[in-house]
């Protein structure tokens, strides 16, 4: 069974960030190319054992109507000129990007959810 939730424009307090690939492209509506967009949605912040745990839902754009959650081993835009096989994914989070020791590698919770445990420097609310 594959579950692919409908992803729509963020409404209300659902924070999101868009990342553009520098080298990976997909077809655009005009027959040209555009940089592939990866979208990170805030999936929640909770108290953890050694700081806060923060989760994001990560999806990518295949076309105007296709935004699959990403996972290792996935093939995007299969059987097209824009096919991309995701061989591995590393998601890391930090509250102080200038401090190389503050980065926490997130774990894959499945269905596009990635969680970093033990982030410091965050407050509830």
C-alpha atoms as a PDB file:
ATOM      1  CA  UNK A   1       0.000   0.000   0.000  1.00  0.00           C
ATOM      2  CA  UNK A   2       1.320   3.425  -0.920  1.00  0.00           C
ATOM      3  CA  UNK A   3      -0.024   6.504   0.808  1.00  0.00           C
ATOM      4  CA  UNK A   4       0.565   9.799  -0.944  1.00  0.00           C
ATOM      5  CA  UNK A   5      -1.191  12.649   0.860  1.00  0.00           C
ATOM      6  CA  UNK A   6      -2.581  15.545  -1.127  1.00  0.00           C
ATOM      7  CA  UNK A   7      -0.190  18.477  -0.815  1.00  0.00           C
ATOM      8  CA  UNK A   8      -1.648  21.914  -1.303  1.00  0.00           C
ATOM      9  CA  UNK A   9      -0.548  25.476  -0.717  1.00  0.00           C
ATOM     10  CA  UNK A  10       0.361  26.058   2.937  1.00  0.00           C
ATOM     11  CA  UNK A  11      -2.493  27.771   4.742  1.00  0.00           C
ATOM     12  CA  UNK A  12      -2.656  29.393   8.174  1.00  0.00           C
ATOM     13  CA  UNK A  13       0.302  28.574  10.394  1.00  0.00           C
ATOM     14  CA  UNK A  14       1.794  25.769   8.279  1.00  0.00           C
ATOM     15  CA  UNK A  15       5.278  27.132   7.645  1.00  0.00           C
ATOM     16  CA  UNK A  16       7.125  25.964   4.555  1.00  0.00           C
ATOM     17  CA  UNK A  17      10.357  26.606   2.707  1.00  0.00           C
ATOM     18  CA  UNK A  18      11.151  26.071  -0.973  1.00  0.00           C
ATOM     19  CA  UNK A  19      14.569  24.890  -2.088  1.00  0.00           C
ATOM     20  CA  UNK A  20      15.643  24.920  -5.743  1.00  0.00           C
ATOM     21  CA  UNK A  21      18.079  22.401  -7.146  1.00  0.00           C
ATOM     22  CA  UNK A  22      21.051  23.943  -8.920  1.00  0.00           C
ATOM     23  CA  UNK A  23      21.497  21.103 -11.404  1.00  0.00           C
ATOM     24  CA  UNK A  24      18.292  19.023 -11.475  1.00  0.00           C
ATOM     25  CA  UNK A  25      15.604  20.262 -13.861  1.00  0.00           C
ATOM     26  CA  UNK A  26      12.076  19.256 -14.831  1.00  0.00           C
ATOM     27  CA  UNK A  27       9.832  20.221 -17.733  1.00  0.00           C
ATOM     28  CA  UNK A  28       7.824  23.405 -17.298  1.00  0.00           C
ATOM     29  CA  UNK A  29       4.385  24.212 -18.715  1.00  0.00           C
ATOM     30  CA  UNK A  30       5.836  26.092 -21.682  1.00  0.00           C
ATOM     31  CA  UNK A  31       7.875  23.130 -22.952  1.00  0.00           C
ATOM     32  CA  UNK A  32      11.139  24.410 -21.500  1.00  0.00           C
ATOM     33  CA  UNK A  33      12.911  23.559 -18.262  1.00  0.00           C
ATOM     34  CA  UNK A  34      12.795  24.789 -14.685  1.00  0.00           C
ATOM     35  CA  UNK A  35      14.852  23.932 -11.616  1.00  0.00           C
ATOM     36  CA  UNK A  36      13.261  21.183  -9.521  1.00  0.00           C
ATOM     37  CA  UNK A  37      11.658  22.543  -6.341  1.00  0.00           C
ATOM     38  CA  UNK A  38      11.899  20.720  -3.013  1.00  0.00           C
ATOM     39  CA  UNK A  39       9.321  21.832  -0.448  1.00  0.00           C
ATOM     40  CA  UNK A  40       9.820  21.489   3.310  1.00  0.00           C
ATOM     41  CA  UNK A  41       6.708  21.788   5.491  1.00  0.00           C
ATOM     42  CA  UNK A  42       6.829  22.309   9.256  1.00  0.00           C
ATOM     43  CA  UNK A  43       5.476  19.071  10.731  1.00  0.00           C
ATOM     44  CA  UNK A  44       5.885  19.940  14.397  1.00  0.00           C
ATOM     45  CA  UNK A  45       8.111  20.790  17.318  1.00  0.00           C
ATOM     46  CA  UNK A  46       8.047  18.824  20.572  1.00  0.00           C
ATOM     47  CA  UNK A  47      10.027  18.539  23.785  1.00  0.00           C
ATOM     48  CA  UNK A  48      12.638  15.815  23.596  1.00  0.00           C
ATOM     49  CA  UNK A  49      14.969  14.146  26.094  1.00  0.00           C
ATOM     50  CA  UNK A  50      17.896  16.470  25.307  1.00  0.00           C
ATOM     51  CA  UNK A  51      16.319  19.513  23.679  1.00  0.00           C
ATOM     52  CA  UNK A  52      13.559  19.752  21.114  1.00  0.00           C
ATOM     53  CA  UNK A  53      12.575  17.377  18.337  1.00  0.00           C
ATOM     54  CA  UNK A  54      11.637  19.058  15.049  1.00  0.00           C
ATOM     55  CA  UNK A  55       9.974  17.353  12.086  1.00  0.00           C
ATOM     56  CA  UNK A  56       9.530  18.369   8.469  1.00  0.00           C
ATOM     57  CA  UNK A  57       7.576  16.814   5.624  1.00  0.00           C
ATOM     58  CA  UNK A  58       9.628  16.933   2.398  1.00  0.00           C
ATOM     59  CA  UNK A  59       8.138  16.698  -1.069  1.00  0.00           C
ATOM     60  CA  UNK A  60       9.306  17.628  -4.539  1.00  0.00           C
ATOM     61  CA  UNK A  61       7.714  18.842  -7.721  1.00  0.00           C
ATOM     62  CA  UNK A  62       7.516  16.407 -10.644  1.00  0.00           C
ATOM     63  CA  UNK A  63       4.849  18.402 -12.498  1.00  0.00           C
ATOM     64  CA  UNK A  64       2.031  20.846 -11.771  1.00  0.00           C
ATOM     65  CA  UNK A  65      -0.055  17.983 -10.369  1.00  0.00           C
ATOM     66  CA  UNK A  66       2.583  15.662  -8.877  1.00  0.00           C
ATOM     67  CA  UNK A  67       4.392  16.391  -5.605  1.00  0.00           C
ATOM     68  CA  UNK A  68       5.592  13.050  -4.176  1.00  0.00           C
ATOM     69  CA  UNK A  69       7.156  12.735  -0.744  1.00  0.00           C
ATOM     70  CA  UNK A  70      10.848  11.960  -1.151  1.00  0.00           C
ATOM     71  CA  UNK A  71      12.691   8.835  -0.022  1.00  0.00           C
ATOM     72  CA  UNK A  72      15.904   7.044  -0.908  1.00  0.00           C
ATOM     73  CA  UNK A  73      15.561   4.670  -3.842  1.00  0.00           C
ATOM     74  CA  UNK A  74      12.738   6.664  -5.382  1.00  0.00           C
ATOM     75  CA  UNK A  75      12.711   7.428  -9.116  1.00  0.00           C
ATOM     76  CA  UNK A  76      11.289  10.850  -9.973  1.00  0.00           C
ATOM     77  CA  UNK A  77       9.893  11.624 -13.423  1.00  0.00           C
ATOM     78  CA  UNK A  78      10.380   7.971 -14.419  1.00  0.00           C
ATOM     79  CA  UNK A  79      10.785   7.195 -18.119  1.00  0.00           C
ATOM     80  CA  UNK A  80      11.220  10.831 -19.109  1.00  0.00           C
ATOM     81  CA  UNK A  81      14.123  13.072 -20.086  1.00  0.00           C
ATOM     82  CA  UNK A  82      13.995  14.414 -16.501  1.00  0.00           C
ATOM     83  CA  UNK A  83      14.262  11.090 -14.647  1.00  0.00           C
ATOM     84  CA  UNK A  84      16.099  11.304 -11.321  1.00  0.00           C
ATOM     85  CA  UNK A  85      16.932   8.372  -9.050  1.00  0.00           C
ATOM     86  CA  UNK A  86      17.388   9.389  -5.416  1.00  0.00           C
ATOM     87  CA  UNK A  87      20.211   7.175  -4.208  1.00  0.00           C
ATOM     88  CA  UNK A  88      20.549   8.697  -0.727  1.00  0.00           C
ATOM     89  CA  UNK A  89      19.204  11.587   1.320  1.00  0.00           C
ATOM     90  CA  UNK A  90      20.749  13.436   4.237  1.00  0.00           C
ATOM     91  CA  UNK A  91      18.605  15.926   6.127  1.00  0.00           C
ATOM     92  CA  UNK A  92      20.394  17.951   8.805  1.00  0.00           C
ATOM     93  CA  UNK A  93      19.085  20.749  11.021  1.00  0.00           C
ATOM     94  CA  UNK A  94      20.701  23.381  13.218  1.00  0.00           C
ATOM     95  CA  UNK A  95      19.682  26.414  15.217  1.00  0.00           C
ATOM     96  CA  UNK A  96      23.173  27.874  14.706  1.00  0.00           C
ATOM     97  CA  UNK A  97      24.441  27.070  11.188  1.00  0.00           C
ATOM     98  CA  UNK A  98      27.798  28.726  11.920  1.00  0.00           C
ATOM     99  CA  UNK A  99      28.506  26.131  14.643  1.00  0.00           C
ATOM    100  CA  UNK A 100      29.537  22.957  12.838  1.00  0.00           C
ATOM    101  CA  UNK A 101      28.922  20.875  15.973  1.00  0.00           C
ATOM    102  CA  UNK A 102      25.284  21.984  16.314  1.00  0.00           C
ATOM    103  CA  UNK A 103      24.031  20.154  13.208  1.00  0.00           C
ATOM    104  CA  UNK A 104      21.726  17.208  13.936  1.00  0.00           C
ATOM    105  CA  UNK A 105      21.090  14.573  11.274  1.00  0.00           C
ATOM    106  CA  UNK A 106      17.382  13.881  10.951  1.00  0.00           C
ATOM    107  CA  UNK A 107      16.006  10.359  10.786  1.00  0.00           C
ATOM    108  CA  UNK A 108      13.550   9.201   8.140  1.00  0.00           C
ATOM    109  CA  UNK A 109      10.230   8.471   9.834  1.00  0.00           C
ATOM    110  CA  UNK A 110       8.669   7.334   6.530  1.00  0.00           C
ATOM    111  CA  UNK A 111       6.094   8.938   4.228  1.00  0.00           C
ATOM    112  CA  UNK A 112       8.323  12.003   3.715  1.00  0.00           C
ATOM    113  CA  UNK A 113       8.659  12.873   7.433  1.00  0.00           C
ATOM    114  CA  UNK A 114      12.166  13.652   8.732  1.00  0.00           C
ATOM    115  CA  UNK A 115      12.838  14.308  12.443  1.00  0.00           C
ATOM    116  CA  UNK A 116      15.897  15.796  14.144  1.00  0.00           C
ATOM    117  CA  UNK A 117      16.098  15.007  17.864  1.00  0.00           C
ATOM    118  CA  UNK A 118      17.851  17.055  20.508  1.00  0.00           C
ATOM    119  CA  UNK A 119      17.951  20.486  18.834  1.00  0.00           C
ATOM    120  CA  UNK A 120      19.032  23.181  21.265  1.00  0.00           C
ATOM    121  CA  UNK A 121      18.185  26.878  21.309  1.00  0.00           C
ATOM    122  CA  UNK A 122      14.443  26.454  20.601  1.00  0.00           C
ATOM    123  CA  UNK A 123      11.505  27.486  22.781  1.00  0.00           C
ATOM    124  CA  UNK A 124       7.935  26.226  22.808  1.00  0.00           C
ATOM    125  CA  UNK A 125       5.430  28.378  20.957  1.00  0.00           C
END
